[in-house]
């Protein structure tokens, strides 16, 4: 439902993309369900290129659970304006789906909420936007629909989100 509303343009605000040509974006992509994650990656890269991003770095990790570690490594390396995490988890017959989805969601959220840590410039951790581009679907068909199928490409949407979060759009509303 949310995807269909988004595709129909049901947005309250439309924030601009500012300075994309000066940005360096990292993408961490899971190898598991690679036919889906490759489509997400292709969508993200195409969108970043359309917006003339200066540099794109890609890191592969074995599965969706490892996305948090990959993103944190990119952040530690420095030099990025945002990191996009791309993965795909399809519900199966065991609770594994729930554990993986919960773990990666909490892990990526914690990276977004991190404060500057460290007492010297050399060991400081400077937070940057970490974008959740993980499909969590009940069926493989739902994943395919969201990885370039009839519901668009969530990798492309994650790329747009990354660019917008590099320069968040702020509006000042006068109070009378």
N, C-alpha and C. Protein backbone atom coordinates (compact mmCIF):
# COMPACT_ATOMS: atom_id res chain seq x y z
N UNK A 1 0.81 -1.19 0.00
CA UNK A 1 0.00 0.00 0.00
C UNK A 1 0.87 1.27 0.00
N UNK A 2 1.86 1.33 0.86
CA UNK A 2 2.71 2.52 0.93
C UNK A 2 3.46 2.74 -0.38
N UNK A 3 3.94 1.67 -1.00
CA UNK A 3 4.65 1.79 -2.27
C UNK A 3 3.75 2.35 -3.34
N UNK A 4 2.53 1.86 -3.43
CA UNK A 4 1.60 2.35 -4.45
C UNK A 4 1.27 3.82 -4.23
N UNK A 5 1.07 4.23 -2.98
CA UNK A 5 0.79 5.64 -2.69
C UNK A 5 1.98 6.51 -3.08
N UNK A 6 3.19 6.02 -2.82
CA UNK A 6 4.38 6.78 -3.18
C UNK A 6 4.50 6.93 -4.69
N UNK A 7 4.25 5.87 -5.42
CA UNK A 7 4.34 5.93 -6.87
C UNK A 7 3.29 6.86 -7.47
N UNK A 8 2.16 7.00 -6.79
CA UNK A 8 1.10 7.88 -7.28
C UNK A 8 1.36 9.34 -6.91
N UNK A 9 2.48 9.60 -6.21
CA UNK A 9 2.83 10.98 -5.88
C UNK A 9 2.11 11.50 -4.66
N UNK A 10 1.75 10.64 -3.73
CA UNK A 10 1.06 11.04 -2.52
C UNK A 10 2.07 11.51 -1.47
N UNK A 11 2.77 12.61 -1.77
CA UNK A 11 3.79 13.15 -0.88
C UNK A 11 3.36 14.52 -0.37
N UNK A 12 3.58 14.77 0.91
CA UNK A 12 3.24 16.07 1.47
C UNK A 12 4.23 17.14 1.03
N UNK A 13 5.49 16.79 1.00
CA UNK A 13 6.54 17.72 0.60
C UNK A 13 7.41 17.05 -0.45
N UNK A 14 8.02 17.84 -1.27
CA UNK A 14 8.97 17.30 -2.23
C UNK A 14 10.25 18.09 -2.06
N UNK A 15 11.23 17.52 -1.35
CA UNK A 15 12.47 18.23 -1.09
C UNK A 15 13.40 18.14 -2.29
N UNK A 16 14.19 19.19 -2.49
CA UNK A 16 15.09 19.22 -3.65
C UNK A 16 16.37 18.42 -3.39
N UNK A 17 17.06 18.08 -4.46
CA UNK A 17 18.39 17.47 -4.37
C UNK A 17 19.39 18.58 -4.65
N UNK A 18 20.29 18.81 -3.68
CA UNK A 18 21.23 19.93 -3.78
C UNK A 18 22.66 19.40 -3.79
N UNK A 19 23.45 19.82 -4.75
CA UNK A 19 24.88 19.53 -4.77
C UNK A 19 25.27 18.10 -5.00
N UNK A 20 24.46 17.33 -5.73
CA UNK A 20 24.76 15.92 -5.95
C UNK A 20 26.10 15.72 -6.66
N UNK A 21 26.46 16.66 -7.53
CA UNK A 21 27.69 16.50 -8.30
C UNK A 21 28.95 16.60 -7.44
N UNK A 22 28.81 17.01 -6.20
CA UNK A 22 29.95 17.11 -5.28
C UNK A 22 29.96 15.97 -4.27
N UNK A 23 29.11 15.00 -4.42
CA UNK A 23 28.91 13.96 -3.41
C UNK A 23 29.67 12.67 -3.73
N UNK A 24 30.06 12.00 -2.65
CA UNK A 24 30.61 10.65 -2.73
C UNK A 24 29.68 9.76 -1.93
N UNK A 25 29.11 8.78 -2.58
CA UNK A 25 28.12 7.91 -1.96
C UNK A 25 28.64 6.48 -1.91
N UNK A 26 28.49 5.84 -0.77
CA UNK A 26 28.85 4.44 -0.61
C UNK A 26 27.60 3.57 -0.68
N UNK A 27 27.73 2.42 -1.26
CA UNK A 27 26.63 1.46 -1.32
C UNK A 27 27.16 0.13 -0.79
N UNK A 28 26.48 -0.41 0.22
CA UNK A 28 26.80 -1.73 0.73
C UNK A 28 25.67 -2.65 0.28
N UNK A 29 26.02 -3.71 -0.43
CA UNK A 29 25.01 -4.58 -1.03
C UNK A 29 25.22 -6.03 -0.58
N UNK A 30 24.13 -6.67 -0.20
CA UNK A 30 24.17 -8.07 0.23
C UNK A 30 24.20 -9.00 -0.97
N UNK A 31 24.99 -10.06 -0.88
CA UNK A 31 25.07 -11.05 -1.95
C UNK A 31 23.89 -12.02 -1.93
N UNK A 32 23.28 -12.22 -0.75
CA UNK A 32 22.15 -13.16 -0.65
C UNK A 32 20.99 -12.62 -1.47
N UNK A 33 20.27 -13.48 -2.19
CA UNK A 33 19.21 -13.07 -3.12
C UNK A 33 19.79 -12.11 -4.17
N UNK A 34 20.93 -12.50 -4.72
CA UNK A 34 21.71 -11.60 -5.58
C UNK A 34 20.98 -11.13 -6.83
N UNK A 35 20.05 -11.92 -7.36
CA UNK A 35 19.34 -11.43 -8.55
C UNK A 35 18.46 -10.23 -8.19
N UNK A 36 18.04 -10.13 -6.94
CA UNK A 36 17.27 -8.96 -6.48
C UNK A 36 18.22 -7.84 -6.10
N UNK A 37 19.24 -8.14 -5.29
CA UNK A 37 20.13 -7.08 -4.82
C UNK A 37 20.94 -6.47 -5.96
N UNK A 38 21.25 -7.25 -6.98
CA UNK A 38 21.95 -6.70 -8.16
C UNK A 38 21.04 -5.71 -8.89
N UNK A 39 19.76 -6.01 -8.99
CA UNK A 39 18.82 -5.08 -9.61
C UNK A 39 18.69 -3.80 -8.78
N UNK A 40 18.67 -3.94 -7.46
CA UNK A 40 18.62 -2.75 -6.58
C UNK A 40 19.89 -1.91 -6.77
N UNK A 41 21.04 -2.59 -6.80
CA UNK A 41 22.32 -1.91 -7.00
C UNK A 41 22.35 -1.18 -8.34
N UNK A 42 21.92 -1.85 -9.39
CA UNK A 42 21.89 -1.22 -10.72
C UNK A 42 21.00 0.02 -10.71
N UNK A 43 19.85 -0.08 -10.04
CA UNK A 43 18.94 1.08 -9.95
C UNK A 43 19.57 2.23 -9.19
N UNK A 44 20.24 1.92 -8.09
CA UNK A 44 20.88 2.97 -7.29
C UNK A 44 22.00 3.65 -8.08
N UNK A 45 22.84 2.85 -8.71
CA UNK A 45 23.95 3.41 -9.47
C UNK A 45 23.45 4.26 -10.63
N UNK A 46 22.46 3.79 -11.35
CA UNK A 46 21.91 4.56 -12.48
C UNK A 46 21.37 5.90 -12.00
N UNK A 47 20.67 5.90 -10.88
CA UNK A 47 20.10 7.14 -10.35
C UNK A 47 21.20 8.10 -9.89
N UNK A 48 22.21 7.58 -9.22
CA UNK A 48 23.32 8.44 -8.77
C UNK A 48 24.05 9.02 -9.98
N UNK A 49 24.24 8.24 -11.02
CA UNK A 49 24.89 8.74 -12.24
C UNK A 49 24.03 9.81 -12.90
N UNK A 50 22.71 9.61 -12.93
CA UNK A 50 21.80 10.61 -13.50
C UNK A 50 21.95 11.96 -12.82
N UNK A 51 22.26 11.93 -11.53
CA UNK A 51 22.41 13.16 -10.75
C UNK A 51 23.87 13.62 -10.67
N UNK A 52 24.73 12.99 -11.48
CA UNK A 52 26.13 13.39 -11.63
C UNK A 52 26.92 13.35 -10.32
N UNK A 53 26.66 12.32 -9.53
CA UNK A 53 27.42 12.13 -8.29
C UNK A 53 28.89 12.00 -8.64
N UNK A 54 29.74 12.60 -7.82
CA UNK A 54 31.17 12.64 -8.08
C UNK A 54 31.82 11.26 -8.01
N UNK A 55 31.46 10.46 -7.00
CA UNK A 55 32.08 9.14 -6.84
C UNK A 55 31.10 8.19 -6.17
N UNK A 56 31.12 6.94 -6.62
CA UNK A 56 30.29 5.87 -6.03
C UNK A 56 31.23 4.75 -5.62
N UNK A 57 31.14 4.34 -4.36
CA UNK A 57 31.93 3.20 -3.86
C UNK A 57 30.96 2.07 -3.50
N UNK A 58 31.30 0.86 -3.87
CA UNK A 58 30.43 -0.29 -3.60
C UNK A 58 31.19 -1.33 -2.80
N UNK A 59 30.54 -1.83 -1.76
CA UNK A 59 31.08 -2.91 -0.94
C UNK A 59 30.06 -4.05 -0.92
N UNK A 60 30.52 -5.27 -1.15
CA UNK A 60 29.64 -6.44 -1.07
C UNK A 60 29.84 -7.11 0.29
N UNK A 61 28.73 -7.57 0.87
CA UNK A 61 28.77 -8.36 2.10
C UNK A 61 27.94 -9.62 1.85
N UNK A 62 28.17 -10.69 2.62
CA UNK A 62 27.47 -11.95 2.34
C UNK A 62 25.95 -11.88 2.42
N UNK A 63 25.43 -11.23 3.44
CA UNK A 63 23.98 -11.22 3.61
C UNK A 63 23.48 -9.91 4.18
N UNK A 64 22.18 -9.82 4.33
CA UNK A 64 21.55 -8.59 4.82
C UNK A 64 21.98 -8.26 6.24
N UNK A 65 22.14 -9.27 7.08
CA UNK A 65 22.54 -9.01 8.47
C UNK A 65 23.89 -8.29 8.52
N UNK A 66 24.76 -8.57 7.58
CA UNK A 66 26.10 -7.97 7.57
C UNK A 66 26.14 -6.55 7.02
N UNK A 67 25.01 -6.04 6.57
CA UNK A 67 24.96 -4.67 6.04
C UNK A 67 25.40 -3.64 7.08
N UNK A 68 25.00 -3.84 8.33
CA UNK A 68 25.35 -2.88 9.38
C UNK A 68 26.87 -2.77 9.52
N UNK A 69 27.54 -3.91 9.56
CA UNK A 69 29.00 -3.89 9.67
C UNK A 69 29.62 -3.21 8.45
N UNK A 70 29.15 -3.55 7.26
CA UNK A 70 29.68 -2.93 6.05
C UNK A 70 29.51 -1.41 6.07
N UNK A 71 28.33 -0.96 6.47
CA UNK A 71 28.09 0.49 6.54
C UNK A 71 29.00 1.15 7.56
N UNK A 72 29.18 0.50 8.71
CA UNK A 72 30.04 1.09 9.74
C UNK A 72 31.50 1.14 9.26
N UNK A 73 31.93 0.15 8.49
CA UNK A 73 33.28 0.19 7.93
C UNK A 73 33.44 1.34 6.95
N UNK A 74 32.46 1.55 6.10
CA UNK A 74 32.50 2.68 5.18
C UNK A 74 32.57 4.00 5.96
N UNK A 75 31.78 4.12 7.01
CA UNK A 75 31.77 5.35 7.80
C UNK A 75 33.14 5.56 8.44
N UNK A 76 33.73 4.50 8.98
CA UNK A 76 35.06 4.60 9.61
C UNK A 76 36.13 5.01 8.61
N UNK A 77 36.03 4.52 7.38
CA UNK A 77 37.00 4.88 6.35
C UNK A 77 36.95 6.37 6.05
N UNK A 78 35.76 6.95 6.13
CA UNK A 78 35.61 8.38 5.89
C UNK A 78 35.49 8.73 4.41
N UNK A 79 35.24 10.00 4.16
CA UNK A 79 35.19 10.49 2.79
C UNK A 79 33.87 10.31 2.08
N UNK A 80 32.85 9.79 2.78
CA UNK A 80 31.54 9.60 2.16
C UNK A 80 30.55 10.64 2.68
N UNK A 81 29.58 10.96 1.84
CA UNK A 81 28.50 11.86 2.25
C UNK A 81 27.27 11.10 2.73
N UNK A 82 27.11 9.86 2.29
CA UNK A 82 25.99 9.00 2.71
C UNK A 82 26.34 7.57 2.34
N UNK A 83 25.67 6.63 3.02
CA UNK A 83 25.83 5.21 2.71
C UNK A 83 24.44 4.62 2.50
N UNK A 84 24.31 3.82 1.45
CA UNK A 84 23.05 3.13 1.16
C UNK A 84 23.26 1.64 1.44
N UNK A 85 22.35 1.05 2.21
CA UNK A 85 22.38 -0.38 2.49
C UNK A 85 21.32 -1.06 1.64
N UNK A 86 21.73 -2.02 0.81
CA UNK A 86 20.81 -2.73 -0.08
C UNK A 86 20.81 -4.22 0.23
N UNK A 87 19.64 -4.76 0.49
CA UNK A 87 19.51 -6.18 0.78
C UNK A 87 18.10 -6.65 0.49
N UNK A 88 17.89 -7.95 0.63
CA UNK A 88 16.58 -8.53 0.39
C UNK A 88 16.40 -9.75 1.29
N UNK A 89 15.34 -9.70 2.10
CA UNK A 89 15.00 -10.83 2.96
C UNK A 89 13.57 -11.25 2.61
N UNK A 90 13.41 -12.52 2.26
CA UNK A 90 12.10 -13.05 1.90
C UNK A 90 11.67 -14.01 3.00
N UNK A 91 10.44 -13.83 3.47
CA UNK A 91 9.92 -14.65 4.56
C UNK A 91 9.95 -16.13 4.19
N UNK A 92 10.35 -16.95 5.13
CA UNK A 92 10.38 -18.40 4.92
C UNK A 92 9.52 -19.08 5.97
N UNK A 93 9.85 -20.32 6.26
CA UNK A 93 9.06 -21.12 7.20
C UNK A 93 9.53 -21.02 8.64
N UNK A 94 10.62 -20.30 8.88
CA UNK A 94 11.17 -20.21 10.24
C UNK A 94 11.21 -18.76 10.69
N UNK A 95 11.47 -18.50 11.96
CA UNK A 95 11.56 -17.12 12.45
C UNK A 95 12.82 -16.37 12.02
N UNK A 96 13.68 -17.02 11.23
CA UNK A 96 14.92 -16.39 10.75
C UNK A 96 14.66 -15.02 10.13
N UNK A 97 13.61 -14.91 9.34
CA UNK A 97 13.21 -13.65 8.69
C UNK A 97 13.09 -12.54 9.73
N UNK A 98 12.37 -12.82 10.81
CA UNK A 98 12.14 -11.82 11.84
C UNK A 98 13.45 -11.38 12.50
N UNK A 99 14.32 -12.33 12.79
CA UNK A 99 15.59 -12.00 13.44
C UNK A 99 16.48 -11.15 12.54
N UNK A 100 16.56 -11.52 11.28
CA UNK A 100 17.40 -10.77 10.34
C UNK A 100 16.83 -9.36 10.13
N UNK A 101 15.54 -9.26 9.90
CA UNK A 101 14.93 -7.95 9.66
C UNK A 101 15.07 -7.04 10.88
N UNK A 102 14.81 -7.59 12.04
CA UNK A 102 14.92 -6.79 13.27
C UNK A 102 16.37 -6.36 13.50
N UNK A 103 17.31 -7.29 13.31
CA UNK A 103 18.72 -6.97 13.53
C UNK A 103 19.24 -5.90 12.60
N UNK A 104 18.96 -6.02 11.32
CA UNK A 104 19.48 -5.03 10.37
C UNK A 104 18.79 -3.68 10.57
N UNK A 105 17.51 -3.70 10.88
CA UNK A 105 16.80 -2.44 11.12
C UNK A 105 17.39 -1.71 12.32
N UNK A 106 17.58 -2.43 13.42
CA UNK A 106 18.16 -1.81 14.61
C UNK A 106 19.60 -1.37 14.37
N UNK A 107 20.36 -2.20 13.66
CA UNK A 107 21.75 -1.86 13.39
C UNK A 107 21.90 -0.60 12.56
N UNK A 108 21.14 -0.50 11.49
CA UNK A 108 21.23 0.68 10.63
C UNK A 108 20.67 1.91 11.34
N UNK A 109 19.61 1.73 12.12
CA UNK A 109 19.06 2.85 12.90
C UNK A 109 20.09 3.36 13.90
N UNK A 110 20.82 2.45 14.52
CA UNK A 110 21.83 2.88 15.50
C UNK A 110 22.95 3.67 14.83
N UNK A 111 23.30 3.31 13.60
CA UNK A 111 24.31 4.10 12.88
C UNK A 111 23.80 5.51 12.60
N UNK A 112 22.53 5.63 12.27
CA UNK A 112 21.95 6.95 12.01
C UNK A 112 21.87 7.80 13.27
N UNK A 113 21.71 7.16 14.41
CA UNK A 113 21.55 7.88 15.67
C UNK A 113 22.88 8.14 16.37
N UNK A 114 23.98 7.62 15.84
CA UNK A 114 25.28 7.73 16.50
C UNK A 114 25.72 9.18 16.63
N UNK A 115 26.32 9.47 17.75
CA UNK A 115 26.89 10.80 17.99
C UNK A 115 28.38 10.74 17.67
N UNK A 116 29.01 11.89 17.61
CA UNK A 116 30.45 11.92 17.39
C UNK A 116 31.11 11.33 18.63
N UNK A 117 31.96 10.32 18.41
CA UNK A 117 32.60 9.61 19.50
C UNK A 117 34.11 9.66 19.28
N UNK A 118 34.86 9.76 20.36
CA UNK A 118 36.31 9.77 20.25
C UNK A 118 36.87 11.06 20.77
N UNK A 119 38.08 11.00 21.29
CA UNK A 119 38.65 12.20 21.89
C UNK A 119 39.75 12.83 21.04
N UNK A 120 40.05 12.23 19.91
CA UNK A 120 41.00 12.84 18.99
C UNK A 120 40.45 12.77 17.58
N UNK A 121 41.00 13.59 16.72
CA UNK A 121 40.54 13.60 15.33
C UNK A 121 40.75 12.24 14.67
N UNK A 122 41.80 11.53 15.06
CA UNK A 122 42.12 10.25 14.43
C UNK A 122 41.12 9.15 14.76
N UNK A 123 40.52 9.18 15.96
CA UNK A 123 39.59 8.10 16.31
C UNK A 123 38.15 8.58 16.45
N UNK A 124 37.85 9.75 15.90
CA UNK A 124 36.48 10.26 15.94
C UNK A 124 35.62 9.52 14.92
N UNK A 125 34.34 9.41 15.23
CA UNK A 125 33.38 8.75 14.37
C UNK A 125 32.35 9.81 13.98
N UNK A 126 32.37 10.23 12.73
CA UNK A 126 31.47 11.27 12.28
C UNK A 126 30.29 10.64 11.57
N UNK A 127 29.10 10.79 12.13
CA UNK A 127 27.93 10.14 11.51
C UNK A 127 27.55 10.79 10.17
N UNK A 128 27.08 9.95 9.29
CA UNK A 128 26.54 10.39 8.01
C UNK A 128 25.23 9.64 7.81
N UNK A 129 24.38 10.08 6.90
CA UNK A 129 23.12 9.36 6.67
C UNK A 129 23.36 7.93 6.18
N UNK A 130 22.66 7.01 6.79
CA UNK A 130 22.67 5.61 6.36
C UNK A 130 21.26 5.29 5.90
N UNK A 131 21.13 4.92 4.64
CA UNK A 131 19.82 4.76 4.02
C UNK A 131 19.42 3.29 3.98
N UNK A 132 18.20 3.02 4.44
CA UNK A 132 17.66 1.67 4.51
C UNK A 132 17.05 1.30 3.16
N UNK A 133 17.77 0.50 2.40
CA UNK A 133 17.30 0.03 1.10
C UNK A 133 17.13 -1.48 1.11
N UNK A 134 16.52 -1.98 2.18
CA UNK A 134 16.37 -3.43 2.36
C UNK A 134 14.93 -3.82 2.08
N UNK A 135 14.75 -4.73 1.14
CA UNK A 135 13.42 -5.28 0.89
C UNK A 135 13.13 -6.36 1.92
N UNK A 136 11.97 -6.30 2.53
CA UNK A 136 11.53 -7.32 3.48
C UNK A 136 10.15 -7.76 3.01
N UNK A 137 10.13 -8.85 2.26
CA UNK A 137 8.90 -9.24 1.58
C UNK A 137 8.44 -10.63 2.00
N UNK A 138 7.19 -10.91 1.72
CA UNK A 138 6.64 -12.23 2.00
C UNK A 138 6.95 -13.24 0.91
N UNK A 139 7.12 -12.74 -0.32
CA UNK A 139 7.38 -13.65 -1.45
C UNK A 139 8.47 -13.07 -2.35
N UNK A 140 9.06 -13.94 -3.14
CA UNK A 140 10.06 -13.51 -4.11
C UNK A 140 9.41 -12.62 -5.17
N UNK A 141 8.17 -12.89 -5.52
CA UNK A 141 7.47 -12.05 -6.50
C UNK A 141 7.35 -10.61 -6.00
N UNK A 142 7.06 -10.43 -4.72
CA UNK A 142 7.00 -9.08 -4.15
C UNK A 142 8.36 -8.39 -4.25
N UNK A 143 9.43 -9.13 -4.00
CA UNK A 143 10.77 -8.57 -4.12
C UNK A 143 11.06 -8.15 -5.56
N UNK A 144 10.72 -9.01 -6.50
CA UNK A 144 10.95 -8.69 -7.92
C UNK A 144 10.15 -7.46 -8.35
N UNK A 145 8.93 -7.32 -7.83
CA UNK A 145 8.12 -6.14 -8.14
C UNK A 145 8.77 -4.85 -7.68
N UNK A 146 9.59 -4.93 -6.61
CA UNK A 146 10.22 -3.75 -6.01
C UNK A 146 11.67 -3.56 -6.46
N UNK A 147 12.16 -4.46 -7.27
CA UNK A 147 13.55 -4.40 -7.75
C UNK A 147 13.57 -4.21 -9.26
N UNK A 148 12.76 -3.27 -9.72
CA UNK A 148 12.70 -2.98 -11.15
C UNK A 148 11.44 -3.48 -11.82
N UNK A 149 10.54 -4.06 -11.04
CA UNK A 149 9.28 -4.56 -11.58
C UNK A 149 8.19 -3.50 -11.56
N UNK A 150 6.96 -3.95 -11.44
CA UNK A 150 5.81 -3.04 -11.56
C UNK A 150 5.72 -1.98 -10.45
N UNK A 151 6.45 -2.17 -9.36
CA UNK A 151 6.43 -1.19 -8.27
C UNK A 151 7.70 -0.35 -8.22
N UNK A 152 8.44 -0.32 -9.31
CA UNK A 152 9.62 0.52 -9.38
C UNK A 152 10.87 -0.18 -8.86
N UNK A 153 11.87 0.62 -8.54
CA UNK A 153 13.13 0.08 -8.05
C UNK A 153 13.49 0.79 -6.74
N UNK A 154 13.44 0.04 -5.65
CA UNK A 154 13.74 0.61 -4.33
C UNK A 154 15.21 1.01 -4.22
N UNK A 155 16.08 0.46 -5.03
CA UNK A 155 17.47 0.90 -5.05
C UNK A 155 17.58 2.33 -5.56
N UNK A 156 16.82 2.62 -6.60
CA UNK A 156 16.77 3.98 -7.13
C UNK A 156 16.20 4.95 -6.10
N UNK A 157 15.13 4.52 -5.43
CA UNK A 157 14.53 5.37 -4.40
C UNK A 157 15.50 5.61 -3.24
N UNK A 158 16.27 4.59 -2.87
CA UNK A 158 17.26 4.75 -1.81
C UNK A 158 18.34 5.76 -2.22
N UNK A 159 18.72 5.76 -3.49
CA UNK A 159 19.71 6.71 -3.99
C UNK A 159 19.19 8.14 -3.89
N UNK A 160 17.94 8.35 -4.26
CA UNK A 160 17.33 9.68 -4.14
C UNK A 160 17.31 10.11 -2.68
N UNK A 161 16.94 9.19 -1.80
CA UNK A 161 16.90 9.49 -0.37
C UNK A 161 18.28 9.89 0.13
N UNK A 162 19.31 9.15 -0.29
CA UNK A 162 20.68 9.47 0.12
C UNK A 162 21.06 10.88 -0.29
N UNK A 163 20.77 11.23 -1.53
CA UNK A 163 21.12 12.57 -2.01
C UNK A 163 20.36 13.65 -1.25
N UNK A 164 19.11 13.41 -0.98
CA UNK A 164 18.32 14.40 -0.23
C UNK A 164 18.83 14.54 1.21
N UNK A 165 19.28 13.44 1.80
CA UNK A 165 19.75 13.50 3.18
C UNK A 165 21.13 14.13 3.31
N UNK A 166 21.86 14.25 2.21
CA UNK A 166 23.15 14.95 2.25
C UNK A 166 22.95 16.43 2.55
N UNK A 167 21.84 16.98 2.12
CA UNK A 167 21.48 18.38 2.38
C UNK A 167 19.99 18.42 2.71
N UNK A 168 19.65 18.03 3.93
CA UNK A 168 18.21 17.99 4.28
C UNK A 168 17.53 19.33 4.04
N UNK A 169 16.33 19.25 3.55
CA UNK A 169 15.52 20.43 3.21
C UNK A 169 14.84 20.94 4.47
N UNK A 170 15.12 22.17 4.80
CA UNK A 170 14.54 22.78 6.00
C UNK A 170 13.67 23.95 5.59
N UNK A 171 12.52 24.03 6.16
CA UNK A 171 11.61 25.13 5.90
C UNK A 171 11.35 25.84 7.24
N UNK A 172 11.47 27.16 7.24
CA UNK A 172 11.16 27.93 8.43
C UNK A 172 9.74 28.46 8.29
N UNK A 173 8.93 28.16 9.28
CA UNK A 173 7.55 28.61 9.27
C UNK A 173 7.38 29.69 10.32
N UNK A 174 7.02 30.90 9.88
CA UNK A 174 6.87 32.00 10.84
C UNK A 174 5.71 31.72 11.81
N UNK A 175 5.91 32.07 13.05
CA UNK A 175 4.89 31.92 14.06
C UNK A 175 4.38 33.31 14.40
N UNK A 176 3.09 33.46 14.31
CA UNK A 176 2.51 34.78 14.56
C UNK A 176 2.17 34.95 16.02
